[in-house]
């Protein structure tokens, strides 16, 4: 996937000396979760259009003409709803006293999930709970399912587990996340060794302020467009512009400060929590335009489940017949392996 051509790291130096490929560029995050602003817009727009068309068809199949009065969500409205639940992750992490790594990872999971799915299929509240629980495991800060759900009102273990595979699958099972707060920590260690370094008190204040900007950046699309080091430097520049420039000059990357300004502008412009009233109205409309196949008890849901059960029954019957024939042929372990057939059966099991 082509992405906006910006240096992969704020440490990149324009010279003719051959250099090793940065470790970050070998990550799945760099290869699969980076976009240009235009690509990000197009991805969300197409996903929303396709979802609306599919859900509209489901409504019409159930009751012709029933979708004419439904006001489906736009992709911009979907983003606002997801943004609100990003802040809910922060609140839950504070409640459970999860470390920064868990919070940042869960937020990335939630945002990545909605580059592959729509809120009209899967409500962010449920996905958020699953993303956070998954993040506790992938960052090696596990909590038991019972302890997790018992501390969240009106939440059963099934609310989390039922979506866990879907979330993991939507992430393409790529669980590693390169975080901005780690890049900021590295820069902060560097600035302490600069010639004529500022007093430690000023450095600490700059770091604390920059870390708040890092947390704000998680509400934005910055992580999909820029690298962790670029975002970290931008957050430091918002906290202490002189300190950020001194660090960039010492590293020989002051020419990249133009990118830093773009990141900083995005953080200050887009790092705003959406109005609760606006999101409440979006959520109200979501109840009316939610995919009926996902609404337990609806006719579309019952029909979908019946279809899936019928397909599963056909598959079970076919496999049972194959086993019976193998037994009759005197070969209880089956015939010689057929590679093409095995692949076909695996595809059917997906």
C-alpha atoms as a PDB file:
ATOM      1  CA  UNK A   1       0.000   0.000   0.000  1.00  0.00           C
ATOM      2  CA  UNK A   2       1.446   3.338  -1.011  1.00  0.00           C
ATOM      3  CA  UNK A   3       1.721   5.865   1.770  1.00  0.00           C
ATOM      4  CA  UNK A   4       2.581   9.497   2.049  1.00  0.00           C
ATOM      5  CA  UNK A   5       6.280   9.915   1.451  1.00  0.00           C
ATOM      6  CA  UNK A   6       7.600  11.359   4.678  1.00  0.00           C
ATOM      7  CA  UNK A   7      10.807  10.263   6.386  1.00  0.00           C
ATOM      8  CA  UNK A   8      10.154   7.122   8.392  1.00  0.00           C
ATOM      9  CA  UNK A   9      11.822   8.579  11.443  1.00  0.00           C
ATOM     10  CA  UNK A  10      12.490  12.007  12.829  1.00  0.00           C
ATOM     11  CA  UNK A  11      16.063  10.775  13.208  1.00  0.00           C
ATOM     12  CA  UNK A  12      16.549  10.457   9.431  1.00  0.00           C
ATOM     13  CA  UNK A  13      19.459  12.533   8.190  1.00  0.00           C
ATOM     14  CA  UNK A  14      19.782  13.623   4.576  1.00  0.00           C
ATOM     15  CA  UNK A  15      23.242  12.469   3.523  1.00  0.00           C
ATOM     16  CA  UNK A  16      24.891  10.069   1.124  1.00  0.00           C
ATOM     17  CA  UNK A  17      26.141   7.673   3.784  1.00  0.00           C
ATOM     18  CA  UNK A  18      24.513   4.247   3.441  1.00  0.00           C
ATOM     19  CA  UNK A  19      22.482   3.443   6.533  1.00  0.00           C
ATOM     20  CA  UNK A  20      20.707   0.423   7.865  1.00  0.00           C
ATOM     21  CA  UNK A  21      16.951   0.211   7.474  1.00  0.00           C
ATOM     22  CA  UNK A  22      15.364   1.399  10.729  1.00  0.00           C
ATOM     23  CA  UNK A  23      13.923  -1.429  12.804  1.00  0.00           C
ATOM     24  CA  UNK A  24      10.533   0.286  12.762  1.00  0.00           C
ATOM     25  CA  UNK A  25      10.298  -0.097   8.983  1.00  0.00           C
ATOM     26  CA  UNK A  26      10.322  -3.860   9.394  1.00  0.00           C
ATOM     27  CA  UNK A  27       7.296  -3.784  11.683  1.00  0.00           C
ATOM     28  CA  UNK A  28       3.745  -4.694  10.706  1.00  0.00           C
ATOM     29  CA  UNK A  29       2.688  -1.262  11.931  1.00  0.00           C
ATOM     30  CA  UNK A  30       4.876   0.442   9.331  1.00  0.00           C
ATOM     31  CA  UNK A  31       3.960  -1.986   6.566  1.00  0.00           C
ATOM     32  CA  UNK A  32       0.214  -2.394   7.121  1.00  0.00           C
ATOM     33  CA  UNK A  33      -1.118   0.431   9.292  1.00  0.00           C
ATOM     34  CA  UNK A  34       0.309   3.575   7.674  1.00  0.00           C
ATOM     35  CA  UNK A  35      -1.720   5.684   5.284  1.00  0.00           C
ATOM     36  CA  UNK A  36      -1.728   9.036   3.620  1.00  0.00           C
ATOM     37  CA  UNK A  37      -4.571  11.335   4.731  1.00  0.00           C
ATOM     38  CA  UNK A  38      -6.231  10.706   1.372  1.00  0.00           C
ATOM     39  CA  UNK A  39      -5.997   6.929   1.738  1.00  0.00           C
ATOM     40  CA  UNK A  40      -7.400   7.098   5.239  1.00  0.00           C
ATOM     41  CA  UNK A  41     -10.334   9.185   4.029  1.00  0.00           C
ATOM     42  CA  UNK A  42     -10.983   6.814   1.117  1.00  0.00           C
ATOM     43  CA  UNK A  43     -10.749   3.688   3.280  1.00  0.00           C
ATOM     44  CA  UNK A  44     -13.353   4.971   5.711  1.00  0.00           C
ATOM     45  CA  UNK A  45     -15.607   6.394   3.034  1.00  0.00           C
ATOM     46  CA  UNK A  46     -15.706   3.164   1.010  1.00  0.00           C
ATOM     47  CA  UNK A  47     -16.232   1.080   4.149  1.00  0.00           C
ATOM     48  CA  UNK A  48     -19.168   3.271   5.154  1.00  0.00           C
ATOM     49  CA  UNK A  49     -20.743   3.240   1.689  1.00  0.00           C
ATOM     50  CA  UNK A  50     -20.482  -0.547   1.431  1.00  0.00           C
ATOM     51  CA  UNK A  51     -21.884  -1.015   4.935  1.00  0.00           C
ATOM     52  CA  UNK A  52     -24.859   1.258   4.287  1.00  0.00           C
ATOM     53  CA  UNK A  53     -25.643  -0.575   1.039  1.00  0.00           C
ATOM     54  CA  UNK A  54     -25.482  -3.997   2.711  1.00  0.00           C
ATOM     55  CA  UNK A  55     -27.583  -2.946   5.705  1.00  0.00           C
ATOM     56  CA  UNK A  56     -30.124  -1.215   3.474  1.00  0.00           C
ATOM     57  CA  UNK A  57     -30.497  -4.433   1.468  1.00  0.00           C
ATOM     58  CA  UNK A  58     -31.046  -6.386   4.681  1.00  0.00           C
ATOM     59  CA  UNK A  59     -33.814  -4.017   5.756  1.00  0.00           C
ATOM     60  CA  UNK A  60     -35.427  -4.208   2.320  1.00  0.00           C
ATOM     61  CA  UNK A  61     -35.267  -8.010   2.217  1.00  0.00           C
ATOM     62  CA  UNK A  62     -37.075  -8.133   5.539  1.00  0.00           C
ATOM     63  CA  UNK A  63     -39.628  -5.436   4.729  1.00  0.00           C
ATOM     64  CA  UNK A  64     -39.604  -3.675   1.330  1.00  0.00           C
ATOM     65  CA  UNK A  65     -39.502   0.099   1.669  1.00  0.00           C
ATOM     66  CA  UNK A  66     -38.497  -0.012   5.336  1.00  0.00           C
ATOM     67  CA  UNK A  67     -35.112   1.639   4.744  1.00  0.00           C
ATOM     68  CA  UNK A  68     -36.456   4.752   3.035  1.00  0.00           C
ATOM     69  CA  UNK A  69     -36.834   6.722   6.268  1.00  0.00           C
ATOM     70  CA  UNK A  70     -33.629   5.519   7.924  1.00  0.00           C
ATOM     71  CA  UNK A  71     -30.851   8.072   8.262  1.00  0.00           C
ATOM     72  CA  UNK A  72     -27.667   6.027   8.153  1.00  0.00           C
ATOM     73  CA  UNK A  73     -24.478   7.267   9.789  1.00  0.00           C
ATOM     74  CA  UNK A  74     -21.780   8.956   7.748  1.00  0.00           C
ATOM     75  CA  UNK A  75     -18.178   7.905   8.218  1.00  0.00           C
ATOM     76  CA  UNK A  76     -17.481  11.232   9.962  1.00  0.00           C
ATOM     77  CA  UNK A  77     -20.167  10.401  12.516  1.00  0.00           C
ATOM     78  CA  UNK A  78     -18.697   6.947  12.977  1.00  0.00           C
ATOM     79  CA  UNK A  79     -15.338   8.554  13.777  1.00  0.00           C
ATOM     80  CA  UNK A  80     -16.907  10.774  16.446  1.00  0.00           C
ATOM     81  CA  UNK A  81     -18.505   7.776  18.130  1.00  0.00           C
ATOM     82  CA  UNK A  82     -15.233   5.840  18.129  1.00  0.00           C
ATOM     83  CA  UNK A  83     -13.404   8.891  19.497  1.00  0.00           C
ATOM     84  CA  UNK A  84     -15.704   9.003  22.499  1.00  0.00           C
ATOM     85  CA  UNK A  85     -14.989   5.367  23.307  1.00  0.00           C
ATOM     86  CA  UNK A  86     -11.260   6.022  23.007  1.00  0.00           C
ATOM     87  CA  UNK A  87     -11.709   8.266  26.043  1.00  0.00           C
ATOM     88  CA  UNK A  88     -13.647   5.492  27.795  1.00  0.00           C
ATOM     89  CA  UNK A  89     -10.572   3.266  27.495  1.00  0.00           C
ATOM     90  CA  UNK A  90      -8.590   5.916  29.347  1.00  0.00           C
ATOM     91  CA  UNK A  91     -11.201   6.010  32.103  1.00  0.00           C
ATOM     92  CA  UNK A  92     -11.240   2.226  32.465  1.00  0.00           C
ATOM     93  CA  UNK A  93      -7.448   2.065  32.568  1.00  0.00           C
ATOM     94  CA  UNK A  94      -7.505   4.591  35.388  1.00  0.00           C
ATOM     95  CA  UNK A  95     -10.066   2.486  37.229  1.00  0.00           C
ATOM     96  CA  UNK A  96      -8.029  -0.714  36.877  1.00  0.00           C
ATOM     97  CA  UNK A  97      -4.705   1.121  37.234  1.00  0.00           C
ATOM     98  CA  UNK A  98      -3.421  -0.373  34.016  1.00  0.00           C
ATOM     99  CA  UNK A  99      -0.058   1.008  32.813  1.00  0.00           C
ATOM    100  CA  UNK A 100       0.356   3.397  29.892  1.00  0.00           C
ATOM    101  CA  UNK A 101       1.325   0.532  27.590  1.00  0.00           C
ATOM    102  CA  UNK A 102      -2.040  -1.197  28.015  1.00  0.00           C
ATOM    103  CA  UNK A 103      -4.023   1.988  27.448  1.00  0.00           C
ATOM    104  CA  UNK A 104      -2.105   3.001  24.326  1.00  0.00           C
ATOM    105  CA  UNK A 105      -2.305  -0.516  22.875  1.00  0.00           C
ATOM    106  CA  UNK A 106      -6.045  -0.841  23.470  1.00  0.00           C
ATOM    107  CA  UNK A 107      -6.683   2.519  21.810  1.00  0.00           C
ATOM    108  CA  UNK A 108      -4.666   1.476  18.758  1.00  0.00           C
ATOM    109  CA  UNK A 109      -6.609  -1.790  18.570  1.00  0.00           C
ATOM    110  CA  UNK A 110      -9.941   0.031  18.720  1.00  0.00           C
ATOM    111  CA  UNK A 111      -8.975   2.519  16.012  1.00  0.00           C
ATOM    112  CA  UNK A 112      -7.536  -0.180  13.755  1.00  0.00           C
ATOM    113  CA  UNK A 113     -10.665  -2.304  14.170  1.00  0.00           C
ATOM    114  CA  UNK A 114     -12.796   0.464  12.689  1.00  0.00           C
ATOM    115  CA  UNK A 115     -10.636   0.671   9.602  1.00  0.00           C
ATOM    116  CA  UNK A 116     -12.013  -2.790   8.782  1.00  0.00           C
ATOM    117  CA  UNK A 117     -15.483  -2.647  10.374  1.00  0.00           C
ATOM    118  CA  UNK A 118     -18.388  -0.275  10.850  1.00  0.00           C
ATOM    119  CA  UNK A 119     -20.090   0.833  14.057  1.00  0.00           C
ATOM    120  CA  UNK A 120     -23.374  -0.074  12.379  1.00  0.00           C
ATOM    121  CA  UNK A 121     -22.318  -3.721  12.680  1.00  0.00           C
ATOM    122  CA  UNK A 122     -20.361  -3.623  15.931  1.00  0.00           C
ATOM    123  CA  UNK A 123     -20.993  -1.000  18.605  1.00  0.00           C
ATOM    124  CA  UNK A 124     -17.794   0.608  19.980  1.00  0.00           C
ATOM    125  CA  UNK A 125     -18.842  -0.034  23.573  1.00  0.00           C
ATOM    126  CA  UNK A 126     -18.559  -3.796  23.127  1.00  0.00           C
ATOM    127  CA  UNK A 127     -15.478  -3.632  20.918  1.00  0.00           C
ATOM    128  CA  UNK A 128     -13.778  -1.247  23.348  1.00  0.00           C
ATOM    129  CA  UNK A 129     -14.172  -3.692  26.235  1.00  0.00           C
ATOM    130  CA  UNK A 130     -12.762  -6.538  24.155  1.00  0.00           C
ATOM    131  CA  UNK A 131      -9.888  -4.440  22.768  1.00  0.00           C
ATOM    132  CA  UNK A 132      -8.837  -3.449  26.275  1.00  0.00           C
ATOM    133  CA  UNK A 133      -9.013  -7.005  27.593  1.00  0.00           C
ATOM    134  CA  UNK A 134      -6.997  -8.230  24.608  1.00  0.00           C
ATOM    135  CA  UNK A 135      -4.419  -5.484  25.181  1.00  0.00           C
ATOM    136  CA  UNK A 136      -3.860  -6.619  28.774  1.00  0.00           C
ATOM    137  CA  UNK A 137      -2.800  -9.989  27.416  1.00  0.00           C
ATOM    138  CA  UNK A 138      -0.672  -8.862  24.477  1.00  0.00           C
ATOM    139  CA  UNK A 139       1.249  -6.393  26.669  1.00  0.00           C
ATOM    140  CA  UNK A 140       1.818  -9.019  29.362  1.00  0.00           C
ATOM    141  CA  UNK A 141      -0.386  -7.358  31.988  1.00  0.00           C
ATOM    142  CA  UNK A 142      -3.132  -9.999  32.170  1.00  0.00           C
ATOM    143  CA  UNK A 143      -6.205  -9.846  34.359  1.00  0.00           C
ATOM    144  CA  UNK A 144      -8.704 -12.649  34.836  1.00  0.00           C
ATOM    145  CA  UNK A 145     -11.901 -12.356  32.838  1.00  0.00           C
ATOM    146  CA  UNK A 146     -13.986 -12.569  36.004  1.00  0.00           C
ATOM    147  CA  UNK A 147     -12.044  -9.791  37.735  1.00  0.00           C
ATOM    148  CA  UNK A 148     -12.312  -7.668  34.599  1.00  0.00           C
ATOM    149  CA  UNK A 149     -16.027  -8.010  33.896  1.00  0.00           C
ATOM    150  CA  UNK A 150     -17.129  -7.962  37.542  1.00  0.00           C
ATOM    151  CA  UNK A 151     -15.730  -4.438  37.852  1.00  0.00           C
ATOM    152  CA  UNK A 152     -17.611  -3.121  34.815  1.00  0.00           C
ATOM    153  CA  UNK A 153     -21.363  -2.576  35.339  1.00  0.00           C
ATOM    154  CA  UNK A 154     -23.759  -4.589  33.180  1.00  0.00           C
ATOM    155  CA  UNK A 155     -20.944  -6.576  31.584  1.00  0.00           C
ATOM    156  CA  UNK A 156     -20.871 -10.361  31.328  1.00  0.00           C
ATOM    157  CA  UNK A 157     -17.833 -12.455  30.347  1.00  0.00           C
ATOM    158  CA  UNK A 158     -19.559 -13.334  27.074  1.00  0.00           C
ATOM    159  CA  UNK A 159     -19.710  -9.630  26.154  1.00  0.00           C
ATOM    160  CA  UNK A 160     -15.921  -9.680  25.987  1.00  0.00           C
ATOM    161  CA  UNK A 161     -15.175 -13.173  24.707  1.00  0.00           C
ATOM    162  CA  UNK A 162     -17.777 -13.219  21.930  1.00  0.00           C
ATOM    163  CA  UNK A 163     -15.878 -10.517  20.041  1.00  0.00           C
ATOM    164  CA  UNK A 164     -12.308 -11.466  20.897  1.00  0.00           C
ATOM    165  CA  UNK A 165     -11.630 -13.531  17.784  1.00  0.00           C
ATOM    166  CA  UNK A 166     -13.311 -10.943  15.548  1.00  0.00           C
ATOM    167  CA  UNK A 167     -11.135  -8.182  16.995  1.00  0.00           C
ATOM    168  CA  UNK A 168      -7.968 -10.258  16.650  1.00  0.00           C
ATOM    169  CA  UNK A 169      -8.908 -11.192  13.088  1.00  0.00           C
ATOM    170  CA  UNK A 170      -9.604  -7.551  12.186  1.00  0.00           C
ATOM    171  CA  UNK A 171      -6.134  -6.687  13.469  1.00  0.00           C
ATOM    172  CA  UNK A 172      -4.775  -9.428  11.181  1.00  0.00           C
ATOM    173  CA  UNK A 173      -3.371 -10.896  14.418  1.00  0.00           C
ATOM    174  CA  UNK A 174      -0.783  -8.104  14.384  1.00  0.00           C
ATOM    175  CA  UNK A 175      -0.687  -7.250  18.063  1.00  0.00           C
ATOM    176  CA  UNK A 176       2.631  -5.399  18.378  1.00  0.00           C
ATOM    177  CA  UNK A 177       2.273  -1.617  18.542  1.00  0.00           C
ATOM    178  CA  UNK A 178       5.114   0.923  18.426  1.00  0.00           C
ATOM    179  CA  UNK A 179       4.062   3.655  20.824  1.00  0.00           C
ATOM    180  CA  UNK A 180       4.684   7.381  20.894  1.00  0.00           C
ATOM    181  CA  UNK A 181       5.188   7.541  24.657  1.00  0.00           C
ATOM    182  CA  UNK A 182       8.202   5.243  24.321  1.00  0.00           C
ATOM    183  CA  UNK A 183       9.698   7.453  21.609  1.00  0.00           C
ATOM    184  CA  UNK A 184       9.125  10.495  23.823  1.00  0.00           C
ATOM    185  CA  UNK A 185      10.938   8.792  26.688  1.00  0.00           C
ATOM    186  CA  UNK A 186      13.935   8.201  24.419  1.00  0.00           C
ATOM    187  CA  UNK A 187      14.015  11.850  23.324  1.00  0.00           C
ATOM    188  CA  UNK A 188      13.750  12.999  26.931  1.00  0.00           C
ATOM    189  CA  UNK A 189      16.758  10.887  27.891  1.00  0.00           C
ATOM    190  CA  UNK A 190      18.659  12.429  24.975  1.00  0.00           C
ATOM    191  CA  UNK A 191      17.919  16.050  25.886  1.00  0.00           C
ATOM    192  CA  UNK A 192      19.407  15.517  29.322  1.00  0.00           C
ATOM    193  CA  UNK A 193      22.779  14.932  27.641  1.00  0.00           C
ATOM    194  CA  UNK A 194      22.661  17.990  25.382  1.00  0.00           C
ATOM    195  CA  UNK A 195      25.460  20.556  25.848  1.00  0.00           C
ATOM    196  CA  UNK A 196      24.368  23.242  28.292  1.00  0.00           C
ATOM    197  CA  UNK A 197      21.321  21.170  29.128  1.00  0.00           C
ATOM    198  CA  UNK A 198      18.403  22.942  30.763  1.00  0.00           C
ATOM    199  CA  UNK A 199      17.795  22.457  34.494  1.00  0.00           C
ATOM    200  CA  UNK A 200      16.261  19.103  35.342  1.00  0.00           C
ATOM    201  CA  UNK A 201      13.134  20.795  36.678  1.00  0.00           C
ATOM    202  CA  UNK A 202      12.470  22.386  33.287  1.00  0.00           C
ATOM    203  CA  UNK A 203      13.160  19.097  31.513  1.00  0.00           C
ATOM    204  CA  UNK A 204      10.721  17.300  33.791  1.00  0.00           C
ATOM    205  CA  UNK A 205       8.034  19.915  33.196  1.00  0.00           C
ATOM    206  CA  UNK A 206       8.569  19.674  29.443  1.00  0.00           C
ATOM    207  CA  UNK A 207       8.324  15.885  29.562  1.00  0.00           C
ATOM    208  CA  UNK A 208       5.154  15.888  31.657  1.00  0.00           C
ATOM    209  CA  UNK A 209       3.516  18.421  29.358  1.00  0.00           C
ATOM    210  CA  UNK A 210       4.638  16.558  26.226  1.00  0.00           C
ATOM    211  CA  UNK A 211       3.241  13.315  27.629  1.00  0.00           C
ATOM    212  CA  UNK A 212      -0.162  14.962  27.941  1.00  0.00           C
ATOM    213  CA  UNK A 213       0.054  15.936  24.276  1.00  0.00           C
ATOM    214  CA  UNK A 214       0.980  12.334  23.454  1.00  0.00           C
ATOM    215  CA  UNK A 215      -2.196  11.192  25.175  1.00  0.00           C
ATOM    216  CA  UNK A 216      -4.158  13.800  23.249  1.00  0.00           C
ATOM    217  CA  UNK A 217      -2.641  12.562  19.983  1.00  0.00           C
ATOM    218  CA  UNK A 218      -4.246   9.163  20.537  1.00  0.00           C
ATOM    219  CA  UNK A 219      -7.638  10.698  19.784  1.00  0.00           C
ATOM    220  CA  UNK A 220      -6.355  11.772  16.364  1.00  0.00           C
ATOM    221  CA  UNK A 221      -5.246   9.925  13.220  1.00  0.00           C
ATOM    222  CA  UNK A 222      -1.600  10.848  13.789  1.00  0.00           C
ATOM    223  CA  UNK A 223      -0.456   7.260  14.406  1.00  0.00           C
ATOM    224  CA  UNK A 224      -1.828   6.194  11.005  1.00  0.00           C
ATOM    225  CA  UNK A 225       0.058   8.913   9.112  1.00  0.00           C
ATOM    226  CA  UNK A 226       3.246   9.696  11.025  1.00  0.00           C
ATOM    227  CA  UNK A 227       5.833   7.635  12.877  1.00  0.00           C
ATOM    228  CA  UNK A 228       6.061   7.441  16.680  1.00  0.00           C
ATOM    229  CA  UNK A 229       9.262   9.513  16.752  1.00  0.00           C
ATOM    230  CA  UNK A 230       7.725  12.237  14.581  1.00  0.00           C
ATOM    231  CA  UNK A 231       4.683  12.462  16.842  1.00  0.00           C
ATOM    232  CA  UNK A 232       6.852  12.426  19.967  1.00  0.00           C
ATOM    233  CA  UNK A 233       8.986  15.316  18.709  1.00  0.00           C
ATOM    234  CA  UNK A 234       5.848  17.259  17.786  1.00  0.00           C
ATOM    235  CA  UNK A 235       4.460  16.770  21.277  1.00  0.00           C
ATOM    236  CA  UNK A 236       7.736  17.959  22.788  1.00  0.00           C
ATOM    237  CA  UNK A 237       7.669  21.005  20.513  1.00  0.00           C
ATOM    238  CA  UNK A 238       4.168  21.835  21.752  1.00  0.00           C
ATOM    239  CA  UNK A 239       5.411  21.575  25.324  1.00  0.00           C
ATOM    240  CA  UNK A 240       8.779  23.322  24.856  1.00  0.00           C
ATOM    241  CA  UNK A 241       9.572  24.500  21.292  1.00  0.00           C
ATOM    242  CA  UNK A 242      13.113  25.610  22.130  1.00  0.00           C
ATOM    243  CA  UNK A 243      14.002  22.279  23.706  1.00  0.00           C
ATOM    244  CA  UNK A 244      12.596  20.360  20.736  1.00  0.00           C
ATOM    245  CA  UNK A 245      14.566  22.491  18.272  1.00  0.00           C
ATOM    246  CA  UNK A 246      17.782  22.076  20.252  1.00  0.00           C
ATOM    247  CA  UNK A 247      17.344  18.309  20.244  1.00  0.00           C
ATOM    248  CA  UNK A 248      16.584  18.255  16.495  1.00  0.00           C
ATOM    249  CA  UNK A 249      19.631  20.428  15.776  1.00  0.00           C
ATOM    250  CA  UNK A 250      21.874  18.208  17.870  1.00  0.00           C
ATOM    251  CA  UNK A 251      20.632  15.189  15.918  1.00  0.00           C
ATOM    252  CA  UNK A 252      20.992  16.957  12.573  1.00  0.00           C
ATOM    253  CA  UNK A 253      17.308  16.627  11.735  1.00  0.00           C
ATOM    254  CA  UNK A 254      16.181  20.237  12.046  1.00  0.00           C
ATOM    255  CA  UNK A 255      15.180  20.073   8.364  1.00  0.00           C
ATOM    256  CA  UNK A 256      12.370  17.725   9.405  1.00  0.00           C
ATOM    257  CA  UNK A 257      10.774  20.294  11.694  1.00  0.00           C
ATOM    258  CA  UNK A 258       8.270  21.016   8.920  1.00  0.00           C
ATOM    259  CA  UNK A 259       6.802  17.557   9.492  1.00  0.00           C
ATOM    260  CA  UNK A 260       6.821  18.260  13.214  1.00  0.00           C
ATOM    261  CA  UNK A 261       4.694  21.350  12.649  1.00  0.00           C
ATOM    262  CA  UNK A 262       2.170  19.338  10.632  1.00  0.00           C
ATOM    263  CA  UNK A 263       1.877  16.744  13.385  1.00  0.00           C
ATOM    264  CA  UNK A 264       1.524  19.430  16.045  1.00  0.00           C
ATOM    265  CA  UNK A 265      -1.227  21.099  14.031  1.00  0.00           C
ATOM    266  CA  UNK A 266      -3.115  17.796  13.779  1.00  0.00           C
ATOM    267  CA  UNK A 267      -2.812  17.137  17.512  1.00  0.00           C
ATOM    268  CA  UNK A 268      -4.128  20.567  18.487  1.00  0.00           C
ATOM    269  CA  UNK A 269      -6.837  20.598  15.803  1.00  0.00           C
ATOM    270  CA  UNK A 270      -8.173  17.044  16.063  1.00  0.00           C
ATOM    271  CA  UNK A 271      -7.293  16.110  19.633  1.00  0.00           C
ATOM    272  CA  UNK A 272     -10.628  17.317  20.949  1.00  0.00           C
ATOM    273  CA  UNK A 273     -13.084  15.037  22.715  1.00  0.00           C
ATOM    274  CA  UNK A 274     -16.408  15.183  20.837  1.00  0.00           C
ATOM    275  CA  UNK A 275     -19.421  16.718  22.517  1.00  0.00           C
ATOM    276  CA  UNK A 276     -21.413  14.220  24.544  1.00  0.00           C
ATOM    277  CA  UNK A 277     -24.649  15.686  23.193  1.00  0.00           C
ATOM    278  CA  UNK A 278     -23.514  15.269  19.596  1.00  0.00           C
ATOM    279  CA  UNK A 279     -22.408  11.684  20.195  1.00  0.00           C
ATOM    280  CA  UNK A 280     -25.609  10.909  22.083  1.00  0.00           C
ATOM    281  CA  UNK A 281     -27.620  11.925  19.022  1.00  0.00           C
ATOM    282  CA  UNK A 282     -25.407   9.765  16.797  1.00  0.00           C
ATOM    283  CA  UNK A 283     -25.892   6.840  19.161  1.00  0.00           C
ATOM    284  CA  UNK A 284     -29.660   7.366  19.111  1.00  0.00           C
ATOM    285  CA  UNK A 285     -29.678   7.168  15.321  1.00  0.00           C
ATOM    286  CA  UNK A 286     -27.395   4.147  15.439  1.00  0.00           C
ATOM    287  CA  UNK A 287     -30.116   2.205  17.230  1.00  0.00           C
ATOM    288  CA  UNK A 288     -32.321   2.762  14.188  1.00  0.00           C
ATOM    289  CA  UNK A 289     -29.757   1.968  11.489  1.00  0.00           C
ATOM    290  CA  UNK A 290     -27.860  -0.864  13.161  1.00  0.00           C
ATOM    291  CA  UNK A 291     -27.507  -3.954  10.991  1.00  0.00           C
ATOM    292  CA  UNK A 292     -30.575  -6.072  11.909  1.00  0.00           C
ATOM    293  CA  UNK A 293     -28.520  -9.235  11.370  1.00  0.00           C
ATOM    294  CA  UNK A 294     -26.554  -8.216  14.477  1.00  0.00           C
ATOM    295  CA  UNK A 295     -29.623  -7.498  16.613  1.00  0.00           C
ATOM    296  CA  UNK A 296     -30.401 -10.589  18.674  1.00  0.00           C
ATOM    297  CA  UNK A 297     -34.025 -11.633  18.265  1.00  0.00           C
ATOM    298  CA  UNK A 298     -34.728  -9.746  15.045  1.00  0.00           C
ATOM    299  CA  UNK A 299     -36.107 -11.621  12.043  1.00  0.00           C
ATOM    300  CA  UNK A 300     -32.935 -10.920  10.084  1.00  0.00           C
ATOM    301  CA  UNK A 301     -30.805 -12.235  12.960  1.00  0.00           C
ATOM    302  CA  UNK A 302     -32.886 -15.404  13.285  1.00  0.00           C
ATOM    303  CA  UNK A 303     -32.753 -15.980   9.528  1.00  0.00           C
ATOM    304  CA  UNK A 304     -28.985 -15.451   9.489  1.00  0.00           C
ATOM    305  CA  UNK A 305     -28.458 -17.881  12.363  1.00  0.00           C
ATOM    306  CA  UNK A 306     -30.707 -20.466  10.697  1.00  0.00           C
ATOM    307  CA  UNK A 307     -28.734 -20.165   7.466  1.00  0.00           C
ATOM    308  CA  UNK A 308     -25.423 -20.572   9.285  1.00  0.00           C
ATOM    309  CA  UNK A 309     -26.717 -23.592  11.191  1.00  0.00           C
ATOM    310  CA  UNK A 310     -27.973 -25.188   7.985  1.00  0.00           C
ATOM    311  CA  UNK A 311     -24.602 -24.688   6.308  1.00  0.00           C
ATOM    312  CA  UNK A 312     -22.848 -26.138   9.351  1.00  0.00           C
ATOM    313  CA  UNK A 313     -25.183 -29.144   9.341  1.00  0.00           C
ATOM    314  CA  UNK A 314     -24.475 -29.809   5.666  1.00  0.00           C
ATOM    315  CA  UNK A 315     -20.749 -29.643   6.357  1.00  0.00           C
ATOM    316  CA  UNK A 316     -21.034 -32.031   9.322  1.00  0.00           C
ATOM    317  CA  UNK A 317     -23.106 -34.474   7.277  1.00  0.00           C
ATOM    318  CA  UNK A 318     -20.577 -34.440   4.436  1.00  0.00           C
ATOM    319  CA  UNK A 319     -17.680 -35.120   6.781  1.00  0.00           C
ATOM    320  CA  UNK A 320     -19.611 -37.905   8.512  1.00  0.00           C
ATOM    321  CA  UNK A 321     -20.287 -39.509   5.141  1.00  0.00           C
ATOM    322  CA  UNK A 322     -16.609 -39.308   4.222  1.00  0.00           C
ATOM    323  CA  UNK A 323     -15.663 -41.029   7.486  1.00  0.00           C
ATOM    324  CA  UNK A 324     -18.293 -43.739   6.930  1.00  0.00           C
ATOM    325  CA  UNK A 325     -16.986 -44.451   3.429  1.00  0.00           C
ATOM    326  CA  UNK A 326     -13.415 -44.598   4.681  1.00  0.00           C
ATOM    327  CA  UNK A 327     -14.420 -47.147   7.313  1.00  0.00           C
ATOM    328  CA  UNK A 328     -16.248 -49.251   4.730  1.00  0.00           C
ATOM    329  CA  UNK A 329     -13.177 -49.195   2.514  1.00  0.00           C
ATOM    330  CA  UNK A 330     -11.187 -50.622   5.394  1.00  0.00           C
ATOM    331  CA  UNK A 331      -9.046 -47.533   5.873  1.00  0.00           C
ATOM    332  CA  UNK A 332     -10.088 -45.792   9.116  1.00  0.00           C
ATOM    333  CA  UNK A 333      -7.346 -43.185   8.606  1.00  0.00           C
ATOM    334  CA  UNK A 334      -8.620 -42.090   5.200  1.00  0.00           C
ATOM    335  CA  UNK A 335      -7.065 -42.290   1.776  1.00  0.00           C
ATOM    336  CA  UNK A 336      -3.813 -40.776   0.580  1.00  0.00           C
ATOM    337  CA  UNK A 337      -3.532 -37.080   1.353  1.00  0.00           C
ATOM    338  CA  UNK A 338      -4.750 -34.760  -1.369  1.00  0.00           C
ATOM    339  CA  UNK A 339      -3.162 -31.343  -0.933  1.00  0.00           C
ATOM    340  CA  UNK A 340      -5.729 -29.439  -3.004  1.00  0.00           C
ATOM    341  CA  UNK A 341      -8.610 -31.093  -1.176  1.00  0.00           C
ATOM    342  CA  UNK A 342      -7.117 -30.312   2.241  1.00  0.00           C
ATOM    343  CA  UNK A 343      -6.786 -26.631   1.336  1.00  0.00           C
ATOM    344  CA  UNK A 344     -10.381 -26.581   0.101  1.00  0.00           C
ATOM    345  CA  UNK A 345     -11.634 -28.082   3.371  1.00  0.00           C
ATOM    346  CA  UNK A 346      -9.616 -25.605   5.422  1.00  0.00           C
ATOM    347  CA  UNK A 347     -11.143 -22.736   3.460  1.00  0.00           C
ATOM    348  CA  UNK A 348     -14.622 -24.084   4.177  1.00  0.00           C
ATOM    349  CA  UNK A 349     -13.873 -24.146   7.908  1.00  0.00           C
ATOM    350  CA  UNK A 350     -13.031 -20.419   8.036  1.00  0.00           C
END
